[in-house]
């Protein structure tokens, strides 16, 4: 069975005053997107888990702990970690943690919650 780890910022820790975020973004909208993504991956028969990270130095260790639970076929790093310029250091911490803890895993990037499963499918092999 394909195992996928989906990494994103804990919705409760998002700074909605960041002008780089889309207007109208809320904790509930982010959580709904996470739930949609996980549901679509599970519908494809994959074991999909969400790894919420805090926007601080604890992100790397949290990712490494999540990856220590067994081999992961693909890691998806969500747009909330990649796209807002303020998140660049957090994105780097997460990406380096994935590289250290799961060098065999494919790394995929989504553009929206709706295409997360398609991002995994590109690299699933």
Protein backbone atom coordinates (compact mmCIF):
# COMPACT_ATOMS: atom_id res chain seq x y z
CA UNK A 1 0.00 0.00 0.00
CA UNK A 2 1.27 3.46 -0.87
CA UNK A 3 1.98 5.52 2.24
CA UNK A 4 1.78 9.32 1.93
CA UNK A 5 2.73 11.94 4.48
CA UNK A 6 1.06 15.31 3.85
CA UNK A 7 2.86 18.12 5.68
CA UNK A 8 1.31 21.50 6.35
CA UNK A 9 1.24 24.27 8.88
CA UNK A 10 -1.13 23.65 11.77
CA UNK A 11 -4.17 25.72 10.73
CA UNK A 12 -4.50 27.11 14.26
CA UNK A 13 -1.07 28.76 13.92
CA UNK A 14 -1.57 30.58 10.60
CA UNK A 15 -1.11 34.37 10.70
CA UNK A 16 -4.09 35.56 8.67
CA UNK A 17 -2.76 39.14 8.67
CA UNK A 18 -0.10 38.06 6.13
CA UNK A 19 -1.01 39.90 2.91
CA UNK A 20 0.44 37.02 0.86
CA UNK A 21 -2.46 34.79 1.94
CA UNK A 22 -5.58 34.70 -0.23
CA UNK A 23 -8.40 36.92 1.01
CA UNK A 24 -11.01 35.19 3.12
CA UNK A 25 -8.66 32.42 4.30
CA UNK A 26 -9.67 31.00 7.68
CA UNK A 27 -8.69 28.14 9.95
CA UNK A 28 -11.85 26.29 8.91
CA UNK A 29 -11.12 26.71 5.19
CA UNK A 30 -7.60 25.39 5.64
CA UNK A 31 -8.83 22.41 7.66
CA UNK A 32 -11.48 21.68 5.04
CA UNK A 33 -8.76 21.62 2.37
CA UNK A 34 -6.65 19.23 4.44
CA UNK A 35 -9.64 16.95 4.98
CA UNK A 36 -10.48 17.02 1.26
CA UNK A 37 -6.89 16.15 0.31
CA UNK A 38 -6.70 13.27 2.77
CA UNK A 39 -10.07 11.96 1.62
CA UNK A 40 -9.06 11.97 -2.04
CA UNK A 41 -5.84 10.12 -1.31
CA UNK A 42 -7.61 7.53 0.83
CA UNK A 43 -10.20 7.03 -1.94
CA UNK A 44 -7.29 5.96 -4.16
CA UNK A 45 -6.42 3.30 -1.58
CA UNK A 46 -3.40 5.07 -0.14
CA UNK A 47 -2.54 5.34 3.53
CA UNK A 48 -2.47 9.12 3.95
CA UNK A 49 -1.57 11.01 7.12
CA UNK A 50 -1.38 14.71 7.89
CA UNK A 51 1.62 16.06 9.77
CA UNK A 52 0.79 19.51 11.18
CA UNK A 53 3.82 21.67 11.93
CA UNK A 54 4.27 24.79 13.98
CA UNK A 55 5.90 27.83 12.34
CA UNK A 56 9.05 27.52 14.48
CA UNK A 57 12.09 25.35 15.08
CA UNK A 58 9.92 22.43 16.20
CA UNK A 59 8.81 21.80 12.58
CA UNK A 60 11.86 19.77 11.55
CA UNK A 61 11.76 17.41 14.54
CA UNK A 62 7.98 16.97 14.11
CA UNK A 63 8.49 15.89 10.50
CA UNK A 64 11.32 13.54 11.45
CA UNK A 65 9.12 11.91 14.12
CA UNK A 66 6.28 11.43 11.63
CA UNK A 67 8.66 9.86 9.13
CA UNK A 68 10.16 7.53 11.74
CA UNK A 69 6.91 5.52 11.77
CA UNK A 70 7.85 3.46 8.72
CA UNK A 71 8.77 3.87 5.09
CA UNK A 72 6.91 6.61 3.24
CA UNK A 73 6.48 6.46 -0.53
CA UNK A 74 5.69 10.12 -1.08
CA UNK A 75 5.76 13.31 0.96
CA UNK A 76 3.54 16.23 -0.05
CA UNK A 77 4.53 19.64 1.26
CA UNK A 78 1.51 21.93 1.19
CA UNK A 79 1.36 25.36 -0.41
CA UNK A 80 0.94 27.12 2.93
CA UNK A 81 4.55 26.19 3.70
CA UNK A 82 5.92 26.95 0.24
CA UNK A 83 4.17 30.00 -1.09
CA UNK A 84 3.99 32.83 1.43
CA UNK A 85 7.41 34.54 1.42
CA UNK A 86 7.37 34.67 5.24
CA UNK A 87 7.26 30.86 5.28
CA UNK A 88 10.52 30.31 3.39
CA UNK A 89 12.58 29.43 6.53
CA UNK A 90 9.82 27.04 7.66
CA UNK A 91 9.70 25.44 4.21
CA UNK A 92 13.48 24.94 4.30
CA UNK A 93 13.31 23.31 7.75
CA UNK A 94 10.58 20.93 6.59
CA UNK A 95 12.28 20.06 3.31
CA UNK A 96 15.61 19.35 5.01
CA UNK A 97 13.89 17.20 7.64
CA UNK A 98 12.25 15.14 4.88
CA UNK A 99 15.59 14.81 3.11
CA UNK A 100 17.26 13.54 6.30
CA UNK A 101 14.51 11.23 7.50
CA UNK A 102 13.16 9.80 4.23
CA UNK A 103 15.73 10.13 1.44
CA UNK A 104 13.98 7.37 -0.53
CA UNK A 105 10.61 9.14 -0.58
CA UNK A 106 9.40 11.09 -3.56
CA UNK A 107 8.55 14.71 -2.76
CA UNK A 108 5.50 16.27 -4.36
CA UNK A 109 3.92 19.70 -4.33
CA UNK A 110 0.27 20.54 -4.77
CA UNK A 111 -1.19 23.79 -6.05
CA UNK A 112 -4.53 23.45 -4.25
CA UNK A 113 -6.08 20.91 -1.89
CA UNK A 114 -8.04 19.57 -4.86
CA UNK A 115 -4.89 18.41 -6.72
CA UNK A 116 -2.97 16.90 -3.81
CA UNK A 117 -3.76 13.31 -4.82
CA UNK A 118 -2.75 14.10 -8.40
CA UNK A 119 0.60 15.44 -7.12
CA UNK A 120 1.21 12.12 -5.37
CA UNK A 121 0.14 10.17 -8.46
CA UNK A 122 2.84 11.91 -10.52
CA UNK A 123 5.52 10.37 -8.28
CA UNK A 124 3.92 7.20 -7.01
CA UNK A 125 5.62 5.09 -9.66
